């Protein structure tokens, strides 16, 4: 497992159609593609590389976790996935603006009116991920209890059922990625974030 390849990687654009390749002819993950590739190439990279890679490395593990006894880890990963998506959607650095990017992404792409974005940010990102606690937070967690989703528990917390929250995360991801396909500014923002920060992929040891 490695970080994004170095900026010095040499890319070769195909003469017509096809995918980006290195001088050896092997497919590569393009670096700084936003500055060297026309829109059609950017879109092909997003659809053929980034989208399936995100589904495989991020959504795949979440799918496997949310209905098991390790659903708590699934919640942690779902919380992080929102962070990843919000960062690509925001484009520029989120330093000092993490909460704004996070909550704005939820308001934009999660089912309208279903969640309190600030409450999710405080309960999941600040509480669960960073402190491993949701004490006195707005949301409480359960799994394999769909009938309790968004109901209040005895402490007045709103219950999140892992499977239902997962389904809404998938909806949000699909809506966002579909927007990236048709809105050039969102594709450019995603590429800006990718060029700046990278994204995990397999690499040589």
Foldseek 3Di string as FASTA:
>chain_A
DDFADDPPFDWDDDPDDDAIDGPVRHHDLDAPCLVPDDPVRLLCSCVVPVVVVCCVPQVVVLVVQQADPNNLVSLLSLLVVLQLLLQLQVQDDCVVPSLVSSLVLCCVQFPHPLDRSNLCCCQHVVACNVPNHRVPGQEDEDEPCVVQQQPADPVRHGYHYSVVVSVRSVRRVVVLSVCCSPPVVSSSSNSSSCNVGNDDDDDDD
